[in-house]
């Protein structure tokens, strides 16, 4: 969740905080039925007051995305939301997603992040974080795979050292996940993706920028081919 939640800019605290928590929900970083981090932690991560945060959570409650529960085990919980096949998020219903634009932009960001991580090295603590994210995708049950896959890619984007790239990637990944939700999970594809994830992480840790970019380019191309096949 850390790559998505970051300090907001002065002047747009409410709007940017709302955008970030919406991304957390849309990306499935906190699954339905589970609790968001405590108010104090959320406010500190985004650099906003708890009053502003409560205004944000109130909007999310009104939209039916979260609910507040009192008591010892209370807090703010993400609500389950069942969608019929092909249904999109409310903000997407009025406008079709440009599939090719989304896929190309995603590729630019992903390939760039992989190359930066390999060429410049990872920041302190980056290697164990990346390896832990890789293990999580390997060990995830089928119903958890997409969330862990998202976290791995978000971690790589954050470790690139560019907050702007990370923010743009979080936004485009949310759109990609909406598209992926409209096609089935294919075990063979997930196994192939996992092999690519492993090769990608190895290339990054070896400092092989060309290899990391090439693996990521192939990885993005595989996802793009499936999405075009199911949705185009």
Protein backbone atom coordinates (compact mmCIF):
# COMPACT_ATOMS: atom_id res chain seq x y z
CA UNK A 1 0.00 0.00 0.00
CA UNK A 2 2.96 2.31 0.63
CA UNK A 3 3.58 3.18 -3.05
CA UNK A 4 0.04 4.57 -3.36
CA UNK A 5 -0.21 6.47 -0.07
CA UNK A 6 2.18 9.41 -0.08
CA UNK A 7 2.23 13.02 1.20
CA UNK A 8 -0.23 15.22 -0.67
CA UNK A 9 0.54 18.67 -1.99
CA UNK A 10 -0.63 21.74 -0.10
CA UNK A 11 -3.86 23.20 -1.42
CA UNK A 12 -5.43 19.96 -2.66
CA UNK A 13 -5.20 17.82 0.46
CA UNK A 14 -8.78 16.58 0.42
CA UNK A 15 -8.90 15.87 -3.32
CA UNK A 16 -5.53 14.11 -3.47
CA UNK A 17 -6.20 12.08 -0.32
CA UNK A 18 -9.53 10.95 -1.75
CA UNK A 19 -7.81 9.96 -5.01
CA UNK A 20 -5.18 7.93 -3.16
CA UNK A 21 -7.60 6.00 -0.95
CA UNK A 22 -9.83 5.35 -3.96
CA UNK A 23 -6.78 3.85 -5.65
CA UNK A 24 -6.18 1.62 -2.63
CA UNK A 25 -9.77 0.36 -2.90
CA UNK A 26 -9.80 0.06 -6.70
CA UNK A 27 -6.45 -1.75 -6.78
CA UNK A 28 -7.71 -4.22 -4.18
CA UNK A 29 -4.76 -3.49 -1.88
CA UNK A 30 -7.22 -3.82 1.00
CA UNK A 31 -9.67 -6.58 0.00
CA UNK A 32 -13.39 -6.38 0.66
CA UNK A 33 -14.20 -7.12 4.29
CA UNK A 34 -10.80 -6.02 5.58
CA UNK A 35 -9.93 -2.89 7.53
CA UNK A 36 -8.08 0.15 6.27
CA UNK A 37 -5.08 1.28 8.33
CA UNK A 38 -5.92 3.32 11.42
CA UNK A 39 -6.86 6.97 10.95
CA UNK A 40 -3.65 8.17 12.57
CA UNK A 41 -1.51 6.08 10.22
CA UNK A 42 -3.42 7.17 7.12
CA UNK A 43 -3.26 10.84 8.11
CA UNK A 44 0.47 10.65 8.81
CA UNK A 45 1.25 8.88 5.52
CA UNK A 46 -0.58 11.49 3.48
CA UNK A 47 0.37 14.49 5.61
CA UNK A 48 -3.20 15.60 6.27
CA UNK A 49 -5.21 16.31 9.40
CA UNK A 50 -7.52 13.67 10.81
CA UNK A 51 -10.39 16.10 10.22
CA UNK A 52 -9.61 16.10 6.48
CA UNK A 53 -9.21 12.32 6.51
CA UNK A 54 -12.63 11.88 8.12
CA UNK A 55 -14.16 14.03 5.39
CA UNK A 56 -12.56 11.73 2.82
CA UNK A 57 -13.84 8.60 4.57
CA UNK A 58 -17.31 10.13 4.80
CA UNK A 59 -17.39 10.52 1.01
CA UNK A 60 -16.29 6.89 0.57
CA UNK A 61 -19.05 5.77 2.95
CA UNK A 62 -21.63 7.75 1.00
CA UNK A 63 -20.44 6.04 -2.19
CA UNK A 64 -20.90 2.62 -0.59
CA UNK A 65 -17.20 1.74 -0.74
CA UNK A 66 -16.41 1.56 2.99
CA UNK A 67 -18.24 1.40 6.29
CA UNK A 68 -17.33 2.52 9.79
CA UNK A 69 -17.64 0.05 12.66
CA UNK A 70 -17.44 0.91 16.34
CA UNK A 71 -16.11 -1.10 19.23
CA UNK A 72 -12.93 -2.89 20.15
CA UNK A 73 -12.52 -4.35 16.68
CA UNK A 74 -13.89 -1.31 14.88
CA UNK A 75 -12.42 0.89 12.22
CA UNK A 76 -13.09 1.63 8.55
CA UNK A 77 -13.73 -1.49 6.47
CA UNK A 78 -13.77 -1.89 2.70
CA UNK A 79 -17.10 -3.27 1.55
CA UNK A 80 -17.52 -6.23 -0.75
CA UNK A 81 -18.90 -5.25 -4.10
CA UNK A 82 -20.12 -7.87 -6.51
CA UNK A 83 -20.04 -6.82 -10.16
CA UNK A 84 -21.76 -8.50 -13.01
CA UNK A 85 -19.54 -9.61 -15.93
CA UNK A 86 -18.51 -6.65 -18.03
CA UNK A 87 -19.67 -4.05 -15.50
CA UNK A 88 -17.23 -1.24 -14.90
CA UNK A 89 -16.62 1.05 -11.97
CA UNK A 90 -19.11 3.96 -11.74
CA UNK A 91 -16.64 6.57 -12.94
CA UNK A 92 -15.89 4.44 -16.01
CA UNK A 93 -19.45 3.79 -17.15
CA UNK A 94 -19.79 7.04 -19.04
CA UNK A 95 -16.61 6.75 -21.05
CA UNK A 96 -14.95 3.83 -22.76
CA UNK A 97 -11.38 3.06 -21.80
CA UNK A 98 -8.93 3.53 -24.67
CA UNK A 99 -7.39 0.06 -24.52
CA UNK A 100 -4.39 0.72 -26.77
CA UNK A 101 -3.50 4.00 -25.08
CA UNK A 102 -3.70 2.38 -21.64
CA UNK A 103 -1.56 -0.59 -22.65
CA UNK A 104 1.11 1.55 -24.33
CA UNK A 105 1.33 3.97 -21.42
CA UNK A 106 1.59 1.07 -19.00
CA UNK A 107 4.43 -0.43 -21.04
CA UNK A 108 6.36 2.86 -21.09
CA UNK A 109 6.10 3.19 -17.30
CA UNK A 110 6.82 -0.46 -16.50
CA UNK A 111 9.80 -0.80 -18.84
CA UNK A 112 11.17 2.52 -17.64
CA UNK A 113 10.85 1.56 -13.97
CA UNK A 114 12.56 -1.79 -14.53
CA UNK A 115 15.41 -0.15 -16.38
CA UNK A 116 15.89 2.52 -13.72
CA UNK A 117 15.94 -0.01 -10.89
CA UNK A 118 18.56 -2.13 -12.64
CA UNK A 119 20.70 0.75 -13.92
CA UNK A 120 20.84 2.81 -10.73
CA UNK A 121 20.47 0.07 -8.12
CA UNK A 122 17.86 -0.20 -5.40
CA UNK A 123 17.66 2.10 -2.37
CA UNK A 124 18.49 0.82 1.11
CA UNK A 125 16.10 -1.98 2.01
CA UNK A 126 14.92 -2.28 -1.57
CA UNK A 127 16.26 -5.75 -2.28
CA UNK A 128 14.45 -7.53 0.59
CA UNK A 129 11.25 -5.62 -0.23
CA UNK A 130 11.39 -6.68 -3.87
CA UNK A 131 12.17 -10.30 -2.99
CA UNK A 132 9.34 -10.37 -0.44
CA UNK A 133 6.90 -9.04 -3.05
CA UNK A 134 8.08 -11.71 -5.49
CA UNK A 135 7.59 -14.47 -2.89
CA UNK A 136 4.09 -13.16 -2.17
CA UNK A 137 3.09 -13.59 -5.81
CA UNK A 138 4.59 -17.09 -5.85
CA UNK A 139 2.78 -18.18 -2.69
CA UNK A 140 -0.56 -16.45 -3.36
CA UNK A 141 -3.70 -18.56 -3.82
CA UNK A 142 -5.49 -17.97 -7.09
CA UNK A 143 -8.02 -15.53 -5.66
CA UNK A 144 -5.20 -13.43 -4.15
CA UNK A 145 -2.83 -13.49 -7.12
CA UNK A 146 -3.93 -10.31 -8.84
CA UNK A 147 -3.58 -8.26 -5.66
CA UNK A 148 -0.09 -9.59 -4.99
CA UNK A 149 0.86 -9.08 -8.63
CA UNK A 150 -0.26 -5.47 -8.35
CA UNK A 151 1.83 -5.00 -5.20
CA UNK A 152 4.94 -6.41 -6.89
CA UNK A 153 4.64 -4.01 -9.81
CA UNK A 154 3.88 -1.08 -7.52
CA UNK A 155 6.93 -1.93 -5.43
CA UNK A 156 9.14 -1.93 -8.51
CA UNK A 157 7.72 1.43 -9.57
CA UNK A 158 8.38 2.92 -6.14
CA UNK A 159 11.94 1.56 -6.03
CA UNK A 160 12.70 3.34 -9.32
CA UNK A 161 13.19 6.49 -7.26
CA UNK A 162 10.69 8.61 -9.19
CA UNK A 163 7.57 9.60 -7.20
CA UNK A 164 6.00 10.97 -10.40
CA UNK A 165 6.44 7.63 -12.16
CA UNK A 166 5.01 5.82 -9.14
CA UNK A 167 1.91 8.03 -9.06
CA UNK A 168 1.30 7.68 -12.79
CA UNK A 169 1.78 3.94 -12.61
CA UNK A 170 -0.67 3.55 -9.73
CA UNK A 171 -3.28 5.35 -11.80
CA UNK A 172 -2.75 3.34 -14.98
CA UNK A 173 -2.55 0.07 -13.04
CA UNK A 174 -5.97 0.75 -11.55
CA UNK A 175 -7.34 1.03 -15.08
CA UNK A 176 -5.52 -2.13 -16.17
CA UNK A 177 -6.98 -4.03 -13.20
CA UNK A 178 -10.48 -2.93 -14.17
CA UNK A 179 -9.84 -4.41 -17.60
CA UNK A 180 -8.33 -7.60 -16.17
CA UNK A 181 -11.42 -8.06 -14.00
CA UNK A 182 -13.40 -8.50 -17.21
CA UNK A 183 -11.49 -11.62 -18.26
CA UNK A 184 -10.90 -14.93 -16.48
CA UNK A 185 -7.80 -15.84 -14.49
CA UNK A 186 -5.87 -18.33 -16.61
CA UNK A 187 -3.58 -20.62 -14.61
CA UNK A 188 -1.18 -21.20 -17.48
CA UNK A 189 -0.82 -17.47 -18.05
CA UNK A 190 -0.20 -16.90 -14.34
CA UNK A 191 2.53 -19.55 -14.31
CA UNK A 192 4.19 -17.87 -17.30
CA UNK A 193 3.87 -14.48 -15.63
CA UNK A 194 5.52 -15.84 -12.52
CA UNK A 195 8.51 -17.07 -14.50
CA UNK A 196 8.79 -13.59 -16.01
CA UNK A 197 8.54 -12.00 -12.56
CA UNK A 198 11.44 -14.14 -11.35
CA UNK A 199 13.58 -13.31 -14.40
CA UNK A 200 12.75 -9.63 -13.99
CA UNK A 201 13.78 -9.49 -10.34
CA UNK A 202 16.99 -11.40 -11.10
CA UNK A 203 17.87 -8.93 -13.87
CA UNK A 204 17.20 -5.97 -11.58
CA UNK A 205 19.34 -7.40 -8.77
CA UNK A 206 22.12 -8.23 -11.25
CA UNK A 207 22.14 -4.65 -12.53
CA UNK A 208 21.21 -5.84 -16.04
CA UNK A 209 19.20 -2.86 -17.28
CA UNK A 210 18.80 -4.13 -20.85
CA UNK A 211 17.68 -7.54 -19.60
CA UNK A 212 15.23 -6.04 -17.11
CA UNK A 213 13.69 -3.81 -19.78
CA UNK A 214 13.36 -6.71 -22.22
CA UNK A 215 11.72 -9.04 -19.69
CA UNK A 216 9.29 -6.32 -18.66
CA UNK A 217 8.50 -5.49 -22.29
CA UNK A 218 7.66 -9.15 -22.94
CA UNK A 219 5.63 -9.33 -19.74
CA UNK A 220 3.54 -6.31 -20.72
CA UNK A 221 3.11 -7.69 -24.24
CA UNK A 222 1.69 -10.94 -22.87
CA UNK A 223 -0.91 -9.15 -20.78
CA UNK A 224 -1.74 -6.85 -23.68
CA UNK A 225 -2.31 -9.80 -26.00
CA UNK A 226 -4.79 -11.39 -23.60
CA UNK A 227 -6.67 -8.14 -23.04
CA UNK A 228 -6.91 -7.51 -26.77
CA UNK A 229 -8.12 -11.05 -27.28
CA UNK A 230 -10.86 -10.83 -24.66
CA UNK A 231 -11.88 -7.18 -24.96
CA UNK A 232 -10.93 -5.68 -28.32
